[in-house]
Amino acid sequence: MERASILNLSPVLGLEQVENHRKSQQLEETIVELYATLRPSLLSYAYQVVGSTGESEDLVQVAFLKLFDQLKRNSDILNIRSWLYRVVHNLAIDHIRRNGIHELAVAEWVSQRSRAEGTRSTEDELIQQERIADSLQVLNERERHCLTLRAEGLSYQEIGGVLGISPKAVSVYLARGLKKFEVQNGHCA
């Protein structure tokens, strides 16, 4: 009797395997679409934190691999964009801690960002870079991360999700960070 029940189950197992393969293909297609859509902004954020194009690319790829694993396990991710930023953020912070390169990363980001903003004289560009670097130095880590994530277009709630803080705390960190920027640059409110 056991043999008969085993034989009857084989078509069912075959259908289950086909269904699993189909779901896996759909998941892969979804990940590819998400990658194409979110990769540029995630790379930009990762670069702002680690200051290396190659490392940023690696961190973003690892984040998407983690996403694939989580979705394959049917994990419930409410906001994929916010989840990916959080993973990239955590990976970048771990990378910085391992390599102790935060100050170098900030200086490089400031330099790249200033070059991308437009054509200025070399002197004006250097002065602006120094001002931005000085302003970033007075910010604490949370303020700096809140400002850079906001510059990437994330909402307060998404920033809170990335950093593990409430949207109200994000608001406070942004306000403090901007106020420090204003004070540092002589633009008192």
C-alpha atoms as a PDB file:
ATOM      1  CA  MET A   1       0.000   0.000   0.000  1.00  0.00           C
ATOM      2  CA  GLU A   2       2.883   2.371   0.663  1.00  0.00           C
ATOM      3  CA  ARG A   3       4.117   1.939  -2.881  1.00  0.00           C
ATOM      4  CA  ALA A   4       0.728   2.945  -4.299  1.00  0.00           C
ATOM      5  CA  SER A   5       0.613   6.147  -2.276  1.00  0.00           C
ATOM      6  CA  ILE A   6       4.176   7.026  -3.323  1.00  0.00           C
ATOM      7  CA  LEU A   7       3.249   6.609  -6.967  1.00  0.00           C
ATOM      8  CA  ASN A   8       0.185   8.808  -6.558  1.00  0.00           C
ATOM      9  CA  LEU A   9       2.262  11.566  -4.978  1.00  0.00           C
ATOM     10  CA  SER A  10       4.829  11.769  -7.777  1.00  0.00           C
ATOM     11  CA  PRO A  11       2.643  13.836 -10.153  1.00  0.00           C
ATOM     12  CA  VAL A  12       1.823  16.199  -7.304  1.00  0.00           C
ATOM     13  CA  LEU A  13       5.499  16.634  -6.453  1.00  0.00           C
ATOM     14  CA  GLY A  14       6.250  17.282 -10.112  1.00  0.00           C
ATOM     15  CA  LEU A  15       3.610  20.027 -10.230  1.00  0.00           C
ATOM     16  CA  GLU A  16       4.946  21.489  -7.002  1.00  0.00           C
ATOM     17  CA  GLN A  17       8.444  21.659  -8.456  1.00  0.00           C
ATOM     18  CA  VAL A  18       7.130  23.366 -11.601  1.00  0.00           C
ATOM     19  CA  GLU A  19       5.225  25.876  -9.446  1.00  0.00           C
ATOM     20  CA  ASN A  20       8.334  26.551  -7.327  1.00  0.00           C
ATOM     21  CA  HIS A  21      10.376  27.118 -10.488  1.00  0.00           C
ATOM     22  CA  ARG A  22       7.750  29.541 -11.826  1.00  0.00           C
ATOM     23  CA  LYS A  23       7.703  31.475  -8.525  1.00  0.00           C
ATOM     24  CA  SER A  24      11.495  31.609  -8.522  1.00  0.00           C
ATOM     25  CA  GLN A  25      11.518  33.041 -12.054  1.00  0.00           C
ATOM     26  CA  GLN A  26       8.933  35.674 -11.088  1.00  0.00           C
ATOM     27  CA  LEU A  27      10.978  36.580  -8.029  1.00  0.00           C
ATOM     28  CA  GLU A  28      14.127  36.937 -10.130  1.00  0.00           C
ATOM     29  CA  GLU A  29      12.299  39.203 -12.589  1.00  0.00           C
ATOM     30  CA  THR A  30      11.008  41.338  -9.716  1.00  0.00           C
ATOM     31  CA  ILE A  31      14.503  41.648  -8.235  1.00  0.00           C
ATOM     32  CA  VAL A  32      15.937  42.636 -11.627  1.00  0.00           C
ATOM     33  CA  GLU A  33      13.277  45.354 -12.003  1.00  0.00           C
ATOM     34  CA  LEU A  34      13.918  46.639  -8.489  1.00  0.00           C
ATOM     35  CA  TYR A  35      17.652  46.607  -9.124  1.00  0.00           C
ATOM     36  CA  ALA A  36      17.261  48.656 -12.294  1.00  0.00           C
ATOM     37  CA  THR A  37      15.014  51.160 -10.512  1.00  0.00           C
ATOM     38  CA  LEU A  38      16.679  51.543  -7.105  1.00  0.00           C
ATOM     39  CA  ARG A  39      20.346  50.845  -7.881  1.00  0.00           C
ATOM     40  CA  PRO A  40      21.354  54.427  -8.823  1.00  0.00           C
ATOM     41  CA  SER A  41      20.030  56.028  -5.639  1.00  0.00           C
ATOM     42  CA  LEU A  42      21.342  53.197  -3.434  1.00  0.00           C
ATOM     43  CA  LEU A  43      24.767  53.517  -5.066  1.00  0.00           C
ATOM     44  CA  SER A  44      24.735  57.247  -4.471  1.00  0.00           C
ATOM     45  CA  TYR A  45      23.886  56.797  -0.804  1.00  0.00           C
ATOM     46  CA  ALA A  46      26.449  54.030  -0.316  1.00  0.00           C
ATOM     47  CA  TYR A  47      29.068  56.205  -1.996  1.00  0.00           C
ATOM     48  CA  GLN A  48      28.237  59.078   0.342  1.00  0.00           C
ATOM     49  CA  VAL A  49      28.886  56.817   3.295  1.00  0.00           C
ATOM     50  CA  VAL A  50      31.937  54.801   2.138  1.00  0.00           C
ATOM     51  CA  GLY A  51      33.471  57.099  -0.491  1.00  0.00           C
ATOM     52  CA  SER A  52      34.361  54.330  -2.930  1.00  0.00           C
ATOM     53  CA  THR A  53      32.580  53.474  -6.147  1.00  0.00           C
ATOM     54  CA  GLY A  54      33.725  49.848  -6.085  1.00  0.00           C
ATOM     55  CA  GLU A  55      32.770  49.317  -2.451  1.00  0.00           C
ATOM     56  CA  SER A  56      29.419  51.023  -3.047  1.00  0.00           C
ATOM     57  CA  GLU A  57      28.662  48.672  -5.926  1.00  0.00           C
ATOM     58  CA  ASP A  58      29.570  45.665  -3.775  1.00  0.00           C
ATOM     59  CA  LEU A  59      27.373  46.844  -0.902  1.00  0.00           C
ATOM     60  CA  VAL A  60      24.369  47.397  -3.168  1.00  0.00           C
ATOM     61  CA  GLN A  61      24.790  43.976  -4.762  1.00  0.00           C
ATOM     62  CA  VAL A  62      24.998  42.326  -1.341  1.00  0.00           C
ATOM     63  CA  ALA A  63      21.828  44.183  -0.302  1.00  0.00           C
ATOM     64  CA  PHE A  64      19.949  42.833  -3.332  1.00  0.00           C
ATOM     65  CA  LEU A  65      21.207  39.314  -2.627  1.00  0.00           C
ATOM     66  CA  LYS A  66      19.878  39.651   0.918  1.00  0.00           C
ATOM     67  CA  LEU A  67      16.572  40.905  -0.475  1.00  0.00           C
ATOM     68  CA  PHE A  68      16.358  37.926  -2.801  1.00  0.00           C
ATOM     69  CA  ASP A  69      16.996  35.547   0.106  1.00  0.00           C
ATOM     70  CA  GLN A  70      14.385  37.240   2.285  1.00  0.00           C
ATOM     71  CA  LEU A  71      11.731  37.229  -0.430  1.00  0.00           C
ATOM     72  CA  LYS A  72      12.498  33.625  -1.316  1.00  0.00           C
ATOM     73  CA  ARG A  73      11.808  32.732   2.334  1.00  0.00           C
ATOM     74  CA  ASN A  74       8.514  34.634   2.042  1.00  0.00           C
ATOM     75  CA  SER A  75       9.599  37.240   4.595  1.00  0.00           C
ATOM     76  CA  ASP A  76       7.150  40.073   5.048  1.00  0.00           C
ATOM     77  CA  ILE A  77       8.878  43.295   3.939  1.00  0.00           C
ATOM     78  CA  LEU A  78       6.451  46.196   4.055  1.00  0.00           C
ATOM     79  CA  ASN A  79       8.604  48.822   2.315  1.00  0.00           C
ATOM     80  CA  ILE A  80      11.258  47.305   0.060  1.00  0.00           C
ATOM     81  CA  ARG A  81      12.895  50.662  -0.739  1.00  0.00           C
ATOM     82  CA  SER A  82      13.319  51.518   2.937  1.00  0.00           C
ATOM     83  CA  TRP A  83      14.463  47.964   3.713  1.00  0.00           C
ATOM     84  CA  LEU A  84      17.151  48.149   1.012  1.00  0.00           C
ATOM     85  CA  TYR A  85      18.403  51.521   2.266  1.00  0.00           C
ATOM     86  CA  ARG A  86      18.614  50.087   5.785  1.00  0.00           C
ATOM     87  CA  VAL A  87      20.610  47.084   4.593  1.00  0.00           C
ATOM     88  CA  VAL A  88      22.957  49.277   2.521  1.00  0.00           C
ATOM     89  CA  HIS A  89      23.319  51.649   5.474  1.00  0.00           C
ATOM     90  CA  ASN A  90      24.180  48.832   7.881  1.00  0.00           C
ATOM     91  CA  LEU A  91      26.615  47.242   5.431  1.00  0.00           C
ATOM     92  CA  ALA A  92      28.282  50.614   4.822  1.00  0.00           C
ATOM     93  CA  ILE A  93      28.599  51.364   8.536  1.00  0.00           C
ATOM     94  CA  ASP A  94      30.105  47.913   9.125  1.00  0.00           C
ATOM     95  CA  HIS A  95      32.525  48.516   6.260  1.00  0.00           C
ATOM     96  CA  ILE A  96      33.574  51.884   7.692  1.00  0.00           C
ATOM     97  CA  ARG A  97      34.043  50.452  11.163  1.00  0.00           C
ATOM     98  CA  ARG A  98      36.193  47.648   9.791  1.00  0.00           C
ATOM     99  CA  ASN A  99      38.309  49.999   7.731  1.00  0.00           C
ATOM    100  CA  GLY A 100      38.182  53.226   9.794  1.00  0.00           C
ATOM    101  CA  ILE A 101      37.701  55.385   6.695  1.00  0.00           C
ATOM    102  CA  HIS A 102      34.791  57.656   7.591  1.00  0.00           C
ATOM    103  CA  GLU A 103      36.607  60.979   7.462  1.00  0.00           C
ATOM    104  CA  LEU A 104      38.233  60.103   4.136  1.00  0.00           C
ATOM    105  CA  ALA A 105      34.822  59.056   2.784  1.00  0.00           C
ATOM    106  CA  VAL A 106      33.192  62.350   3.785  1.00  0.00           C
ATOM    107  CA  ALA A 107      35.975  64.393   2.224  1.00  0.00           C
ATOM    108  CA  GLU A 108      35.770  62.415  -1.031  1.00  0.00           C
ATOM    109  CA  TRP A 109      31.972  62.714  -1.146  1.00  0.00           C
ATOM    110  CA  VAL A 110      32.185  66.474  -0.635  1.00  0.00           C
ATOM    111  CA  SER A 111      34.736  66.736  -3.411  1.00  0.00           C
ATOM    112  CA  GLN A 112      32.653  64.670  -5.863  1.00  0.00           C
ATOM    113  CA  ARG A 113      29.409  66.429  -4.973  1.00  0.00           C
ATOM    114  CA  SER A 114      30.980  69.859  -5.435  1.00  0.00           C
ATOM    115  CA  ARG A 115      32.370  68.933  -8.859  1.00  0.00           C
ATOM    116  CA  ALA A 116      28.980  67.706  -9.978  1.00  0.00           C
ATOM    117  CA  GLU A 117      27.197  70.909  -8.922  1.00  0.00           C
ATOM    118  CA  GLY A 118      28.521  73.036 -11.735  1.00  0.00           C
ATOM    119  CA  THR A 119      31.421  74.944 -13.114  1.00  0.00           C
ATOM    120  CA  ARG A 120      33.092  77.267 -10.634  1.00  0.00           C
ATOM    121  CA  SER A 121      36.549  78.630 -10.427  1.00  0.00           C
ATOM    122  CA  THR A 122      39.030  76.359  -8.719  1.00  0.00           C
ATOM    123  CA  GLU A 123      39.335  78.783  -5.842  1.00  0.00           C
ATOM    124  CA  ASP A 124      35.564  79.001  -5.336  1.00  0.00           C
ATOM    125  CA  GLU A 125      35.324  75.239  -5.529  1.00  0.00           C
ATOM    126  CA  LEU A 126      38.008  74.740  -2.880  1.00  0.00           C
ATOM    127  CA  ILE A 127      36.397  77.285  -0.577  1.00  0.00           C
ATOM    128  CA  GLN A 128      33.013  75.602  -0.982  1.00  0.00           C
ATOM    129  CA  GLN A 129      34.523  72.147  -0.342  1.00  0.00           C
ATOM    130  CA  GLU A 130      36.175  73.407   2.835  1.00  0.00           C
ATOM    131  CA  ARG A 131      32.928  74.958   4.046  1.00  0.00           C
ATOM    132  CA  ILE A 132      30.952  71.795   3.419  1.00  0.00           C
ATOM    133  CA  ALA A 133      33.632  69.594   5.003  1.00  0.00           C
ATOM    134  CA  ASP A 134      33.769  71.901   8.048  1.00  0.00           C
ATOM    135  CA  SER A 135      29.985  71.881   8.292  1.00  0.00           C
ATOM    136  CA  LEU A 136      29.862  68.090   8.111  1.00  0.00           C
ATOM    137  CA  GLN A 137      32.456  67.878  10.872  1.00  0.00           C
ATOM    138  CA  VAL A 138      30.150  69.645  13.348  1.00  0.00           C
ATOM    139  CA  LEU A 139      27.319  67.194  12.697  1.00  0.00           C
ATOM    140  CA  ASN A 140      27.027  64.035  14.693  1.00  0.00           C
ATOM    141  CA  GLU A 141      26.685  60.723  12.862  1.00  0.00           C
ATOM    142  CA  ARG A 142      22.870  60.595  13.083  1.00  0.00           C
ATOM    143  CA  GLU A 143      22.485  64.153  11.787  1.00  0.00           C
ATOM    144  CA  ARG A 144      24.865  63.441   8.912  1.00  0.00           C
ATOM    145  CA  HIS A 145      23.026  60.244   7.931  1.00  0.00           C
ATOM    146  CA  CYS A 146      19.602  61.905   8.193  1.00  0.00           C
ATOM    147  CA  LEU A 147      20.721  64.768   5.958  1.00  0.00           C
ATOM    148  CA  THR A 148      22.278  62.515   3.319  1.00  0.00           C
ATOM    149  CA  LEU A 149      19.253  60.182   3.228  1.00  0.00           C
ATOM    150  CA  ARG A 150      16.917  63.163   2.945  1.00  0.00           C
ATOM    151  CA  ALA A 151      19.071  64.484   0.097  1.00  0.00           C
ATOM    152  CA  GLU A 152      18.469  61.105  -1.603  1.00  0.00           C
ATOM    153  CA  GLY A 153      14.726  61.762  -1.435  1.00  0.00           C
ATOM    154  CA  LEU A 154      13.698  59.425   1.370  1.00  0.00           C
ATOM    155  CA  SER A 155      10.732  60.377   3.542  1.00  0.00           C
ATOM    156  CA  TYR A 156      11.079  60.891   7.283  1.00  0.00           C
ATOM    157  CA  GLN A 157       9.440  57.513   7.863  1.00  0.00           C
ATOM    158  CA  GLU A 158      11.827  55.794   5.433  1.00  0.00           C
ATOM    159  CA  ILE A 159      14.840  57.478   7.025  1.00  0.00           C
ATOM    160  CA  GLY A 160      13.592  56.353  10.415  1.00  0.00           C
ATOM    161  CA  GLY A 161      13.307  52.812   9.101  1.00  0.00           C
ATOM    162  CA  VAL A 162      16.834  52.904   7.715  1.00  0.00           C
ATOM    163  CA  LEU A 163      18.374  54.295  10.893  1.00  0.00           C
ATOM    164  CA  GLY A 164      16.108  52.488  13.359  1.00  0.00           C
ATOM    165  CA  ILE A 165      14.638  55.684  14.827  1.00  0.00           C
ATOM    166  CA  SER A 166      11.198  57.301  14.816  1.00  0.00           C
ATOM    167  CA  PRO A 167      10.135  59.802  12.133  1.00  0.00           C
ATOM    168  CA  LYS A 168       9.920  62.421  14.930  1.00  0.00           C
ATOM    169  CA  ALA A 169      13.581  61.737  15.826  1.00  0.00           C
ATOM    170  CA  VAL A 170      14.458  62.117  12.136  1.00  0.00           C
ATOM    171  CA  SER A 171      12.772  65.499  12.162  1.00  0.00           C
ATOM    172  CA  VAL A 172      14.768  66.541  15.216  1.00  0.00           C
ATOM    173  CA  TYR A 173      18.090  65.343  13.752  1.00  0.00           C
ATOM    174  CA  LEU A 174      17.380  67.120  10.459  1.00  0.00           C
ATOM    175  CA  ALA A 175      16.459  70.354  12.217  1.00  0.00           C
ATOM    176  CA  ARG A 176      19.567  70.223  14.415  1.00  0.00           C
ATOM    177  CA  GLY A 177      21.793  69.338  11.476  1.00  0.00           C
ATOM    178  CA  LEU A 178      20.444  72.173   9.332  1.00  0.00           C
ATOM    179  CA  LYS A 179      20.756  74.618  12.210  1.00  0.00           C
ATOM    180  CA  LYS A 180      24.395  73.568  12.716  1.00  0.00           C
ATOM    181  CA  PHE A 181      24.962  74.043   8.978  1.00  0.00           C
ATOM    182  CA  GLU A 182      23.485  77.548   9.149  1.00  0.00           C
ATOM    183  CA  VAL A 183      25.517  78.504  12.206  1.00  0.00           C
ATOM    184  CA  GLN A 184      28.706  77.046  10.705  1.00  0.00           C
ATOM    185  CA  ASN A 185      28.221  79.006   7.499  1.00  0.00           C
ATOM    186  CA  GLY A 186      27.234  82.267   9.195  1.00  0.00           C
ATOM    187  CA  HIS A 187      23.591  82.112   8.130  1.00  0.00           C
ATOM    188  CA  CYS A 188      21.893  82.397  11.488  1.00  0.00           C
ATOM    189  CA  ALA A 189      18.139  82.113  11.322  1.00  0.00           C
END
